[in-house]
Amino acid sequence: VLGPSAETGGWGLLLVDQLATRWGVTERDSGGKSVWAVVTTCGGSEA
């Protein structure tokens, strides 16, 4: 979940959202998920 939580802090994904060019979550067919982020040398969004 993107956003702070009183129980866990929850600031990590807000940092990822600010630092990464893009990020997301992909559910896996075998169960579970992949949380991913792209960091680029050019900064900002890619076209």
ModelCIF file with pLDDT and N, C-alpha, C, O atoms, coordinates in Angstrom:
data_MODEL
#
_entry.id   MODEL 
#
_entity.id                         1 
_entity.type                       polymer 
_entity.pdbx_number_of_molecules   1 
#
_entity_poly.entity_id                      1 
_entity_poly.type                           'polypeptide(L)' 
_entity_poly.nstd_linkage                   no 
_entity_poly.nstd_monomer                   no 
_entity_poly.pdbx_seq_one_letter_code       VLGPSAETGGWGLLLVDQLATRWGVTERDSGGKSVWAVVTTCGGSEA 
_entity_poly.pdbx_seq_one_letter_code_can   VLGPSAETGGWGLLLVDQLATRWGVTERDSGGKSVWAVVTTCGGSEA 
_entity_poly.pdbx_strand_id                 A 
#
loop_
_entity_poly_seq.entity_id 
_entity_poly_seq.num 
_entity_poly_seq.mon_id 
_entity_poly_seq.hetero 
1 1  VAL n 
1 2  LEU n 
1 3  GLY n 
1 4  PRO n 
1 5  SER n 
1 6  ALA n 
1 7  GLU n 
1 8  THR n 
1 9  GLY n 
1 10 GLY n 
1 11 TRP n 
1 12 GLY n 
1 13 LEU n 
1 14 LEU n 
1 15 LEU n 
1 16 VAL n 
1 17 ASP n 
1 18 GLN n 
1 19 LEU n 
1 20 ALA n 
1 21 THR n 
1 22 ARG n 
1 23 TRP n 
1 24 GLY n 
1 25 VAL n 
1 26 THR n 
1 27 GLU n 
1 28 ARG n 
1 29 ASP n 
1 30 SER n 
1 31 GLY n 
1 32 GLY n 
1 33 LYS n 
1 34 SER n 
1 35 VAL n 
1 36 TRP n 
1 37 ALA n 
1 38 VAL n 
1 39 VAL n 
1 40 THR n 
1 41 THR n 
1 42 CYS n 
1 43 GLY n 
1 44 GLY n 
1 45 SER n 
1 46 GLU n 
1 47 ALA n 
#
_struct_asym.id          A 
_struct_asym.entity_id   1 
#
loop_
_ma_qa_metric.id 
_ma_qa_metric.mode 
_ma_qa_metric.name 
_ma_qa_metric.software_group_id 
_ma_qa_metric.type 
1 global pLDDT . pLDDT 
2 local  pLDDT . pLDDT 
#
_ma_qa_metric_global.metric_id      1 
_ma_qa_metric_global.metric_value   80.17 
_ma_qa_metric_global.model_id       1 
_ma_qa_metric_global.ordinal_id     1 
#
loop_
_ma_qa_metric_local.label_asym_id 
_ma_qa_metric_local.label_comp_id 
_ma_qa_metric_local.label_seq_id 
_ma_qa_metric_local.metric_id 
_ma_qa_metric_local.metric_value 
_ma_qa_metric_local.model_id 
_ma_qa_metric_local.ordinal_id 
A VAL 1  2 76.00 1 1  
A LEU 2  2 75.00 1 2  
A GLY 3  2 69.00 1 3  
A PRO 4  2 66.00 1 4  
A SER 5  2 59.00 1 5  
A ALA 6  2 54.00 1 6  
A GLU 7  2 61.00 1 7  
A THR 8  2 57.00 1 8  
A GLY 9  2 62.00 1 9  
A GLY 10 2 66.00 1 10 
A TRP 11 2 72.00 1 11 
A GLY 12 2 80.00 1 12 
A LEU 13 2 88.00 1 13 
A LEU 14 2 89.00 1 14 
A LEU 15 2 90.00 1 15 
A VAL 16 2 93.00 1 16 
A ASP 17 2 93.00 1 17 
A GLN 18 2 93.00 1 18 
A LEU 19 2 95.00 1 19 
A ALA 20 2 95.00 1 20 
A THR 21 2 95.00 1 21 
A ARG 22 2 95.00 1 22 
A TRP 23 2 95.00 1 23 
A GLY 24 2 95.00 1 24 
A VAL 25 2 94.00 1 25 
A THR 26 2 93.00 1 26 
A GLU 27 2 89.00 1 27 
A ARG 28 2 86.00 1 28 
A ASP 29 2 84.00 1 29 
A SER 30 2 80.00 1 30 
A GLY 31 2 82.00 1 31 
A GLY 32 2 88.00 1 32 
A LYS 33 2 92.00 1 33 
A SER 34 2 94.00 1 34 
A VAL 35 2 95.00 1 35 
A TRP 36 2 97.00 1 36 
A ALA 37 2 97.00 1 37 
A VAL 38 2 97.00 1 38 
A VAL 39 2 97.00 1 39 
A THR 40 2 95.00 1 40 
A THR 41 2 89.00 1 41 
A CYS 42 2 78.00 1 42 
A GLY 43 2 57.00 1 43 
A GLY 44 2 48.00 1 44 
A SER 45 2 44.00 1 45 
A GLU 46 2 43.00 1 46 
A ALA 47 2 36.00 1 47 
#
loop_
_atom_site.group_PDB 
_atom_site.id 
_atom_site.type_symbol 
_atom_site.label_atom_id 
_atom_site.label_alt_id 
_atom_site.label_comp_id 
_atom_site.label_asym_id 
_atom_site.label_entity_id 
_atom_site.label_seq_id 
_atom_site.pdbx_PDB_ins_code 
_atom_site.Cartn_x 
_atom_site.Cartn_y 
_atom_site.Cartn_z 
_atom_site.occupancy 
_atom_site.B_iso_or_equiv 
_atom_site.pdbx_formal_charge 
_atom_site.auth_seq_id 
_atom_site.auth_comp_id 
_atom_site.auth_asym_id 
_atom_site.auth_atom_id 
_atom_site.pdbx_PDB_model_num 
ATOM 1   N N  . VAL A 1 1  ? 0.857  -1.185  0.000   1.00 76.00 ? 1  VAL A N  1 
ATOM 2   C CA . VAL A 1 1  ? 0.000  0.000   0.000   1.00 76.00 ? 1  VAL A CA 1 
ATOM 3   C C  . VAL A 1 1  ? 0.894  1.237   0.000   1.00 76.00 ? 1  VAL A C  1 
ATOM 4   O O  . VAL A 1 1  ? 1.828  1.347   0.795   1.00 76.00 ? 1  VAL A O  1 
ATOM 5   N N  . LEU A 1 2  ? 0.594  2.151   -0.894  1.00 75.00 ? 2  LEU A N  1 
ATOM 6   C CA . LEU A 1 2  ? 1.353  3.398   -0.978  1.00 75.00 ? 2  LEU A CA 1 
ATOM 7   C C  . LEU A 1 2  ? 0.818  4.354   0.078   1.00 75.00 ? 2  LEU A C  1 
ATOM 8   O O  . LEU A 1 2  ? -0.330 4.790   0.003   1.00 75.00 ? 2  LEU A O  1 
ATOM 9   N N  . GLY A 1 3  ? 1.643  4.677   1.052   1.00 69.00 ? 3  GLY A N  1 
ATOM 10  C CA . GLY A 1 3  ? 1.224  5.620   2.085   1.00 69.00 ? 3  GLY A CA 1 
ATOM 11  C C  . GLY A 1 3  ? 1.591  5.128   3.463   1.00 69.00 ? 3  GLY A C  1 
ATOM 12  O O  . GLY A 1 3  ? 1.772  3.930   3.678   1.00 69.00 ? 3  GLY A O  1 
ATOM 13  N N  . PRO A 1 4  ? 1.702  6.060   4.402   1.00 66.00 ? 4  PRO A N  1 
ATOM 14  C CA . PRO A 1 4  ? 2.124  5.708   5.755   1.00 66.00 ? 4  PRO A CA 1 
ATOM 15  C C  . PRO A 1 4  ? 1.066  4.913   6.511   1.00 66.00 ? 4  PRO A C  1 
ATOM 16  O O  . PRO A 1 4  ? -0.135 5.060   6.285   1.00 66.00 ? 4  PRO A O  1 
ATOM 17  N N  . SER A 1 5  ? 1.548  4.073   7.407   1.00 59.00 ? 5  SER A N  1 
ATOM 18  C CA . SER A 1 5  ? 0.693  3.281   8.278   1.00 59.00 ? 5  SER A CA 1 
ATOM 19  C C  . SER A 1 5  ? 1.156  3.503   9.703   1.00 59.00 ? 5  SER A C  1 
ATOM 20  O O  . SER A 1 5  ? 2.357  3.507   9.973   1.00 59.00 ? 5  SER A O  1 
ATOM 21  N N  . ALA A 1 6  ? 0.229  3.685   10.605  1.00 54.00 ? 6  ALA A N  1 
ATOM 22  C CA . ALA A 1 6  ? 0.586  3.916   12.005  1.00 54.00 ? 6  ALA A CA 1 
ATOM 23  C C  . ALA A 1 6  ? 1.362  2.727   12.583  1.00 54.00 ? 6  ALA A C  1 
ATOM 24  O O  . ALA A 1 6  ? 2.220  2.911   13.446  1.00 54.00 ? 6  ALA A O  1 
ATOM 25  N N  . GLU A 1 7  ? 1.065  1.508   12.112  1.00 61.00 ? 7  GLU A N  1 
ATOM 26  C CA . GLU A 1 7  ? 1.699  0.316   12.649  1.00 61.00 ? 7  GLU A CA 1 
ATOM 27  C C  . GLU A 1 7  ? 3.115  0.097   12.126  1.00 61.00 ? 7  GLU A C  1 
ATOM 28  O O  . GLU A 1 7  ? 3.987  -0.330  12.882  1.00 61.00 ? 7  GLU A O  1 
ATOM 29  N N  . THR A 1 8  ? 3.356  0.374   10.873  1.00 57.00 ? 8  THR A N  1 
ATOM 30  C CA . THR A 1 8  ? 4.621  -0.034  10.255  1.00 57.00 ? 8  THR A CA 1 
ATOM 31  C C  . THR A 1 8  ? 5.467  1.111   9.722   1.00 57.00 ? 8  THR A C  1 
ATOM 32  O O  . THR A 1 8  ? 6.561  0.861   9.216   1.00 57.00 ? 8  THR A O  1 
ATOM 33  N N  . GLY A 1 9  ? 5.027  2.312   9.810   1.00 62.00 ? 9  GLY A N  1 
ATOM 34  C CA . GLY A 1 9  ? 5.768  3.422   9.211   1.00 62.00 ? 9  GLY A CA 1 
ATOM 35  C C  . GLY A 1 9  ? 5.253  3.691   7.825   1.00 62.00 ? 9  GLY A C  1 
ATOM 36  O O  . GLY A 1 9  ? 4.618  4.716   7.579   1.00 62.00 ? 9  GLY A O  1 
ATOM 37  N N  . GLY A 1 10 ? 5.526  2.765   6.902   1.00 66.00 ? 10 GLY A N  1 
ATOM 38  C CA . GLY A 1 10 ? 4.933  2.815   5.581   1.00 66.00 ? 10 GLY A CA 1 
ATOM 39  C C  . GLY A 1 10 ? 5.428  3.899   4.648   1.00 66.00 ? 10 GLY A C  1 
ATOM 40  O O  . GLY A 1 10 ? 4.757  4.213   3.665   1.00 66.00 ? 10 GLY A O  1 
ATOM 41  N N  . TRP A 1 11 ? 6.585  4.482   4.926   1.00 72.00 ? 11 TRP A N  1 
ATOM 42  C CA . TRP A 1 11 ? 7.086  5.553   4.065   1.00 72.00 ? 11 TRP A CA 1 
ATOM 43  C C  . TRP A 1 11 ? 7.905  5.025   2.901   1.00 72.00 ? 11 TRP A C  1 
ATOM 44  O O  . TRP A 1 11 ? 8.212  5.781   1.979   1.00 72.00 ? 11 TRP A O  1 
ATOM 45  N N  . GLY A 1 12 ? 8.264  3.756   2.918   1.00 80.00 ? 12 GLY A N  1 
ATOM 46  C CA . GLY A 1 12 ? 9.149  3.189   1.909   1.00 80.00 ? 12 GLY A CA 1 
ATOM 47  C C  . GLY A 1 12 ? 8.656  3.332   0.493   1.00 80.00 ? 12 GLY A C  1 
ATOM 48  O O  . GLY A 1 12 ? 9.406  3.768   -0.380  1.00 80.00 ? 12 GLY A O  1 
ATOM 49  N N  . LEU A 1 13 ? 7.396  2.972   0.241   1.00 88.00 ? 13 LEU A N  1 
ATOM 50  C CA . LEU A 1 13 ? 6.883  3.071   -1.127  1.00 88.00 ? 13 LEU A CA 1 
ATOM 51  C C  . LEU A 1 13 ? 6.717  4.516   -1.571  1.00 88.00 ? 13 LEU A C  1 
ATOM 52  O O  . LEU A 1 13 ? 6.788  4.805   -2.766  1.00 88.00 ? 13 LEU A O  1 
ATOM 53  N N  . LEU A 1 14 ? 6.498  5.428   -0.630  1.00 89.00 ? 14 LEU A N  1 
ATOM 54  C CA . LEU A 1 14 ? 6.458  6.845   -1.012  1.00 89.00 ? 14 LEU A CA 1 
ATOM 55  C C  . LEU A 1 14 ? 7.835  7.289   -1.514  1.00 89.00 ? 14 LEU A C  1 
ATOM 56  O O  . LEU A 1 14 ? 7.934  8.058   -2.470  1.00 89.00 ? 14 LEU A O  1 
ATOM 57  N N  . LEU A 1 15 ? 8.887  6.803   -0.867  1.00 90.00 ? 15 LEU A N  1 
ATOM 58  C CA . LEU A 1 15 ? 10.247 7.105   -1.339  1.00 90.00 ? 15 LEU A CA 1 
ATOM 59  C C  . LEU A 1 15 ? 10.487 6.488   -2.720  1.00 90.00 ? 15 LEU A C  1 
ATOM 60  O O  . LEU A 1 15 ? 11.026 7.139   -3.615  1.00 90.00 ? 15 LEU A O  1 
ATOM 61  N N  . VAL A 1 16 ? 10.082 5.229   -2.880  1.00 93.00 ? 16 VAL A N  1 
ATOM 62  C CA . VAL A 1 16 ? 10.242 4.557   -4.176  1.00 93.00 ? 16 VAL A CA 1 
ATOM 63  C C  . VAL A 1 16 ? 9.499  5.338   -5.248  1.00 93.00 ? 16 VAL A C  1 
ATOM 64  O O  . VAL A 1 16 ? 10.018 5.535   -6.347  1.00 93.00 ? 16 VAL A O  1 
ATOM 65  N N  . ASP A 1 17 ? 8.286  5.784   -4.936  1.00 93.00 ? 17 ASP A N  1 
ATOM 66  C CA . ASP A 1 17 ? 7.475  6.541   -5.886  1.00 93.00 ? 17 ASP A CA 1 
ATOM 67  C C  . ASP A 1 17 ? 8.170  7.836   -6.316  1.00 93.00 ? 17 ASP A C  1 
ATOM 68  O O  . ASP A 1 17 ? 8.059  8.249   -7.470  1.00 93.00 ? 17 ASP A O  1 
ATOM 69  N N  . GLN A 1 18 ? 8.876  8.467   -5.396  1.00 93.00 ? 18 GLN A N  1 
ATOM 70  C CA . GLN A 1 18 ? 9.583  9.705   -5.704  1.00 93.00 ? 18 GLN A CA 1 
ATOM 71  C C  . GLN A 1 18 ? 10.906 9.471   -6.440  1.00 93.00 ? 18 GLN A C  1 
ATOM 72  O O  . GLN A 1 18 ? 11.299 10.283  -7.278  1.00 93.00 ? 18 GLN A O  1 
ATOM 73  N N  . LEU A 1 19 ? 11.584 8.383   -6.138  1.00 95.00 ? 19 LEU A N  1 
ATOM 74  C CA . LEU A 1 19 ? 12.921 8.153   -6.680  1.00 95.00 ? 19 LEU A CA 1 
ATOM 75  C C  . LEU A 1 19 ? 12.946 7.394   -7.998  1.00 95.00 ? 19 LEU A C  1 
ATOM 76  O O  . LEU A 1 19 ? 13.807 7.640   -8.842  1.00 95.00 ? 19 LEU A O  1 
ATOM 77  N N  . ALA A 1 20 ? 12.011 6.478   -8.177  1.00 95.00 ? 20 ALA A N  1 
ATOM 78  C CA . ALA A 1 20 ? 12.017 5.631   -9.370  1.00 95.00 ? 20 ALA A CA 1 
ATOM 79  C C  . ALA A 1 20 ? 11.357 6.341   -10.545 1.00 95.00 ? 20 ALA A C  1 
ATOM 80  O O  . ALA A 1 20 ? 10.464 7.170   -10.367 1.00 95.00 ? 20 ALA A O  1 
ATOM 81  N N  . THR A 1 21 ? 11.807 6.006   -11.737 1.00 95.00 ? 21 THR A N  1 
ATOM 82  C CA . THR A 1 21 ? 11.186 6.520   -12.952 1.00 95.00 ? 21 THR A CA 1 
ATOM 83  C C  . THR A 1 21 ? 9.763  5.978   -13.052 1.00 95.00 ? 21 THR A C  1 
ATOM 84  O O  . THR A 1 21 ? 8.834  6.691   -13.429 1.00 95.00 ? 21 THR A O  1 
ATOM 85  N N  . ARG A 1 22 ? 9.616  4.695   -12.704 1.00 95.00 ? 22 ARG A N  1 
ATOM 86  C CA . ARG A 1 22 ? 8.300  4.069   -12.623 1.00 95.00 ? 22 ARG A CA 1 
ATOM 87  C C  . ARG A 1 22 ? 8.423  2.852   -11.721 1.00 95.00 ? 22 ARG A C  1 
ATOM 88  O O  . ARG A 1 22 ? 9.517  2.321   -11.528 1.00 95.00 ? 22 ARG A O  1 
ATOM 89  N N  . TRP A 1 23 ? 7.292  2.412   -11.166 1.00 95.00 ? 23 TRP A N  1 
ATOM 90  C CA . TRP A 1 23 ? 7.304  1.226   -10.320 1.00 95.00 ? 23 TRP A CA 1 
ATOM 91  C C  . TRP A 1 23 ? 5.913  0.613   -10.352 1.00 95.00 ? 23 TRP A C  1 
ATOM 92  O O  . TRP A 1 23 ? 4.949  1.246   -10.783 1.00 95.00 ? 23 TRP A O  1 
ATOM 93  N N  . GLY A 1 24 ? 5.823  -0.633  -9.887  1.00 95.00 ? 24 GLY A N  1 
ATOM 94  C CA . GLY A 1 24 ? 4.529  -1.287  -9.865  1.00 95.00 ? 24 GLY A CA 1 
ATOM 95  C C  . GLY A 1 24 ? 4.595  -2.629  -9.172  1.00 95.00 ? 24 GLY A C  1 
ATOM 96  O O  . GLY A 1 24 ? 5.615  -3.019  -8.604  1.00 95.00 ? 24 GLY A O  1 
ATOM 97  N N  . VAL A 1 25 ? 3.470  -3.324  -9.237  1.00 94.00 ? 25 VAL A N  1 
ATOM 98  C CA . VAL A 1 25 ? 3.332  -4.640  -8.629  1.00 94.00 ? 25 VAL A CA 1 
ATOM 99  C C  . VAL A 1 25 ? 2.747  -5.579  -9.674  1.00 94.00 ? 25 VAL A C  1 
ATOM 100 O O  . VAL A 1 25 ? 1.788  -5.231  -10.363 1.00 94.00 ? 25 VAL A O  1 
ATOM 101 N N  . THR A 1 26 ? 3.322  -6.758  -9.787  1.00 93.00 ? 26 THR A N  1 
ATOM 102 C CA . THR A 1 26 ? 2.824  -7.766  -10.708 1.00 93.00 ? 26 THR A CA 1 
ATOM 103 C C  . THR A 1 26 ? 2.530  -9.025  -9.908  1.00 93.00 ? 26 THR A C  1 
ATOM 104 O O  . THR A 1 26 ? 3.401  -9.542  -9.207  1.00 93.00 ? 26 THR A O  1 
ATOM 105 N N  . GLU A 1 27 ? 1.305  -9.515  -10.014 1.00 89.00 ? 27 GLU A N  1 
ATOM 106 C CA . GLU A 1 27 ? 0.968  -10.775 -9.352  1.00 89.00 ? 27 GLU A CA 1 
ATOM 107 C C  . GLU A 1 27 ? 1.585  -11.920 -10.143 1.00 89.00 ? 27 GLU A C  1 
ATOM 108 O O  . GLU A 1 27 ? 1.658  -11.868 -11.370 1.00 89.00 ? 27 GLU A O  1 
ATOM 109 N N  . ARG A 1 28 ? 2.029  -12.957 -9.431  1.00 86.00 ? 28 ARG A N  1 
ATOM 110 C CA . ARG A 1 28 ? 2.656  -14.113 -10.070 1.00 86.00 ? 28 ARG A CA 1 
ATOM 111 C C  . ARG A 1 28 ? 1.652  -15.253 -10.181 1.00 86.00 ? 28 ARG A C  1 
ATOM 112 O O  . ARG A 1 28 ? 0.827  -15.453 -9.290  1.00 86.00 ? 28 ARG A O  1 
ATOM 113 N N  . ASP A 1 29 ? 1.725  -15.994 -11.274 1.00 84.00 ? 29 ASP A N  1 
ATOM 114 C CA . ASP A 1 29 ? 0.823  -17.129 -11.480 1.00 84.00 ? 29 ASP A CA 1 
ATOM 115 C C  . ASP A 1 29 ? 0.973  -18.179 -10.388 1.00 84.00 ? 29 ASP A C  1 
ATOM 116 O O  . ASP A 1 29 ? 0.001  -18.839 -10.019 1.00 84.00 ? 29 ASP A O  1 
ATOM 117 N N  . SER A 1 30 ? 2.180  -18.335 -9.873  1.00 80.00 ? 30 SER A N  1 
ATOM 118 C CA . SER A 1 30 ? 2.451  -19.356 -8.859  1.00 80.00 ? 30 SER A CA 1 
ATOM 119 C C  . SER A 1 30 ? 2.115  -18.881 -7.449  1.00 80.00 ? 30 SER A C  1 
ATOM 120 O O  . SER A 1 30 ? 2.409  -19.572 -6.473  1.00 80.00 ? 30 SER A O  1 
ATOM 121 N N  . GLY A 1 31 ? 1.503  -17.706 -7.339  1.00 82.00 ? 31 GLY A N  1 
ATOM 122 C CA . GLY A 1 31 ? 1.206  -17.126 -6.030  1.00 82.00 ? 31 GLY A CA 1 
ATOM 123 C C  . GLY A 1 31 ? 2.267  -16.111 -5.659  1.00 82.00 ? 31 GLY A C  1 
ATOM 124 O O  . GLY A 1 31 ? 3.421  -16.219 -6.071  1.00 82.00 ? 31 GLY A O  1 
ATOM 125 N N  . GLY A 1 32 ? 1.874  -15.152 -4.898  1.00 88.00 ? 32 GLY A N  1 
ATOM 126 C CA . GLY A 1 32 ? 2.792  -14.104 -4.498  1.00 88.00 ? 32 GLY A CA 1 
ATOM 127 C C  . GLY A 1 32 ? 2.814  -12.970 -5.506  1.00 88.00 ? 32 GLY A C  1 
ATOM 128 O O  . GLY A 1 32 ? 1.908  -12.824 -6.326  1.00 88.00 ? 32 GLY A O  1 
ATOM 129 N N  . LYS A 1 33 ? 3.864  -12.174 -5.427  1.00 92.00 ? 33 LYS A N  1 
ATOM 130 C CA . LYS A 1 33 ? 3.932  -10.972 -6.263  1.00 92.00 ? 33 LYS A CA 1 
ATOM 131 C C  . LYS A 1 33 ? 5.382  -10.586 -6.525  1.00 92.00 ? 33 LYS A C  1 
ATOM 132 O O  . LYS A 1 33 ? 6.318  -11.096 -5.908  1.00 92.00 ? 33 LYS A O  1 
ATOM 133 N N  . SER A 1 34 ? 5.518  -9.673  -7.457  1.00 94.00 ? 34 SER A N  1 
ATOM 134 C CA . SER A 1 34 ? 6.788  -9.027  -7.735  1.00 94.00 ? 34 SER A CA 1 
ATOM 135 C C  . SER A 1 34 ? 6.547  -7.527  -7.618  1.00 94.00 ? 34 SER A C  1 
ATOM 136 O O  . SER A 1 34 ? 5.685  -6.976  -8.304  1.00 94.00 ? 34 SER A O  1 
ATOM 137 N N  . VAL A 1 35 ? 7.300  -6.874  -6.758  1.00 95.00 ? 35 VAL A N  1 
ATOM 138 C CA . VAL A 1 35 ? 7.262  -5.412  -6.675  1.00 95.00 ? 35 VAL A CA 1 
ATOM 139 C C  . VAL A 1 35 ? 8.530  -4.942  -7.373  1.00 95.00 ? 35 VAL A C  1 
ATOM 140 O O  . VAL A 1 35 ? 9.632  -5.379  -7.043  1.00 95.00 ? 35 VAL A O  1 
ATOM 141 N N  . TRP A 1 36 ? 8.362  -4.048  -8.338  1.00 97.00 ? 36 TRP A N  1 
ATOM 142 C CA . TRP A 1 36 ? 9.488  -3.650  -9.170  1.00 97.00 ? 36 TRP A CA 1 
ATOM 143 C C  . TRP A 1 36 ? 9.572  -2.133  -9.288  1.00 97.00 ? 36 TRP A C  1 
ATOM 144 O O  . TRP A 1 36 ? 8.590  -1.414  -9.103  1.00 97.00 ? 36 TRP A O  1 
ATOM 145 N N  . ALA A 1 37 ? 10.774 -1.677  -9.600  1.00 97.00 ? 37 ALA A N  1 
ATOM 146 C CA . ALA A 1 37 ? 10.999 -0.244  -9.827  1.00 97.00 ? 37 ALA A CA 1 
ATOM 147 C C  . ALA A 1 37 ? 12.111 -0.097  -10.859 1.00 97.00 ? 37 ALA A C  1 
ATOM 148 O O  . ALA A 1 37 ? 13.039 -0.903  -10.922 1.00 97.00 ? 37 ALA A O  1 
ATOM 149 N N  . VAL A 1 38 ? 11.993 0.944   -11.657 1.00 97.00 ? 38 VAL A N  1 
ATOM 150 C CA . VAL A 1 38 ? 13.015 1.257   -12.654 1.00 97.00 ? 38 VAL A CA 1 
ATOM 151 C C  . VAL A 1 38 ? 13.699 2.555   -12.235 1.00 97.00 ? 38 VAL A C  1 
ATOM 152 O O  . VAL A 1 38 ? 13.047 3.567   -11.980 1.00 97.00 ? 38 VAL A O  1 
ATOM 153 N N  . VAL A 1 39 ? 15.020 2.501   -12.170 1.00 97.00 ? 39 VAL A N  1 
ATOM 154 C CA . VAL A 1 39 ? 15.840 3.667   -11.856 1.00 97.00 ? 39 VAL A CA 1 
ATOM 155 C C  . VAL A 1 39 ? 16.671 3.956   -13.095 1.00 97.00 ? 39 VAL A C  1 
ATOM 156 O O  . VAL A 1 39 ? 17.366 3.079   -13.608 1.00 97.00 ? 39 VAL A O  1 
ATOM 157 N N  . THR A 1 40 ? 16.593 5.192   -13.571 1.00 95.00 ? 40 THR A N  1 
ATOM 158 C CA . THR A 1 40 ? 17.312 5.542   -14.801 1.00 95.00 ? 40 THR A CA 1 
ATOM 159 C C  . THR A 1 40 ? 18.358 6.614   -14.563 1.00 95.00 ? 40 THR A C  1 
ATOM 160 O O  . THR A 1 40 ? 18.318 7.352   -13.579 1.00 95.00 ? 40 THR A O  1 
ATOM 161 N N  . THR A 1 41 ? 19.291 6.674   -15.494 1.00 89.00 ? 41 THR A N  1 
ATOM 162 C CA . THR A 1 41 ? 20.343 7.678   -15.418 1.00 89.00 ? 41 THR A CA 1 
ATOM 163 C C  . THR A 1 41 ? 19.853 9.049   -15.837 1.00 89.00 ? 41 THR A C  1 
ATOM 164 O O  . THR A 1 41 ? 20.439 10.063  -15.461 1.00 89.00 ? 41 THR A O  1 
ATOM 165 N N  . CYS A 1 42 ? 18.767 9.085   -16.622 1.00 78.00 ? 42 CYS A N  1 
ATOM 166 C CA . CYS A 1 42 ? 18.282 10.372  -17.128 1.00 78.00 ? 42 CYS A CA 1 
ATOM 167 C C  . CYS A 1 42 ? 17.313 11.050  -16.177 1.00 78.00 ? 42 CYS A C  1 
ATOM 168 O O  . CYS A 1 42 ? 16.998 12.224  -16.371 1.00 78.00 ? 42 CYS A O  1 
ATOM 169 N N  . GLY A 1 43 ? 16.821 10.344  -15.138 1.00 57.00 ? 43 GLY A N  1 
ATOM 170 C CA . GLY A 1 43 ? 15.871 10.926  -14.203 1.00 57.00 ? 43 GLY A CA 1 
ATOM 171 C C  . GLY A 1 43 ? 14.568 11.250  -14.885 1.00 57.00 ? 43 GLY A C  1 
ATOM 172 O O  . GLY A 1 43 ? 14.536 11.458  -16.098 1.00 57.00 ? 43 GLY A O  1 
ATOM 173 N N  . GLY A 1 44 ? 13.505 11.295  -14.136 1.00 48.00 ? 44 GLY A N  1 
ATOM 174 C CA . GLY A 1 44 ? 12.195 11.598  -14.722 1.00 48.00 ? 44 GLY A CA 1 
ATOM 175 C C  . GLY A 1 44 ? 11.654 10.449  -15.528 1.00 48.00 ? 44 GLY A C  1 
ATOM 176 O O  . GLY A 1 44 ? 12.277 9.391   -15.623 1.00 48.00 ? 44 GLY A O  1 
ATOM 177 N N  . SER A 1 45 ? 10.495 10.659  -16.107 1.00 44.00 ? 45 SER A N  1 
ATOM 178 C CA . SER A 1 45 ? 9.797  9.600   -16.830 1.00 44.00 ? 45 SER A CA 1 
ATOM 179 C C  . SER A 1 45 ? 10.401 9.379   -18.201 1.00 44.00 ? 45 SER A C  1 
ATOM 180 O O  . SER A 1 45 ? 10.890 10.302  -18.852 1.00 44.00 ? 45 SER A O  1 
ATOM 181 N N  . GLU A 1 46 ? 10.352 8.120   -18.616 1.00 43.00 ? 46 GLU A N  1 
ATOM 182 C CA . GLU A 1 46 ? 10.762 7.787   -19.975 1.00 43.00 ? 46 GLU A CA 1 
ATOM 183 C C  . GLU A 1 46 ? 9.551  7.911   -20.880 1.00 43.00 ? 46 GLU A C  1 
ATOM 184 O O  . GLU A 1 46 ? 8.421  7.696   -20.441 1.00 43.00 ? 46 GLU A O  1 
ATOM 185 N N  . ALA A 1 47 ? 9.773  8.247   -22.108 1.00 36.00 ? 47 ALA A N  1 
ATOM 186 C CA . ALA A 1 47 ? 8.664  8.389   -23.051 1.00 36.00 ? 47 ALA A CA 1 
ATOM 187 C C  . ALA A 1 47 ? 8.216  7.061   -23.557 1.00 36.00 ? 47 ALA A C  1 
ATOM 188 O O  . ALA A 1 47 ? 7.289  6.988   -24.363 1.00 36.00 ? 47 ALA A O  1 
#
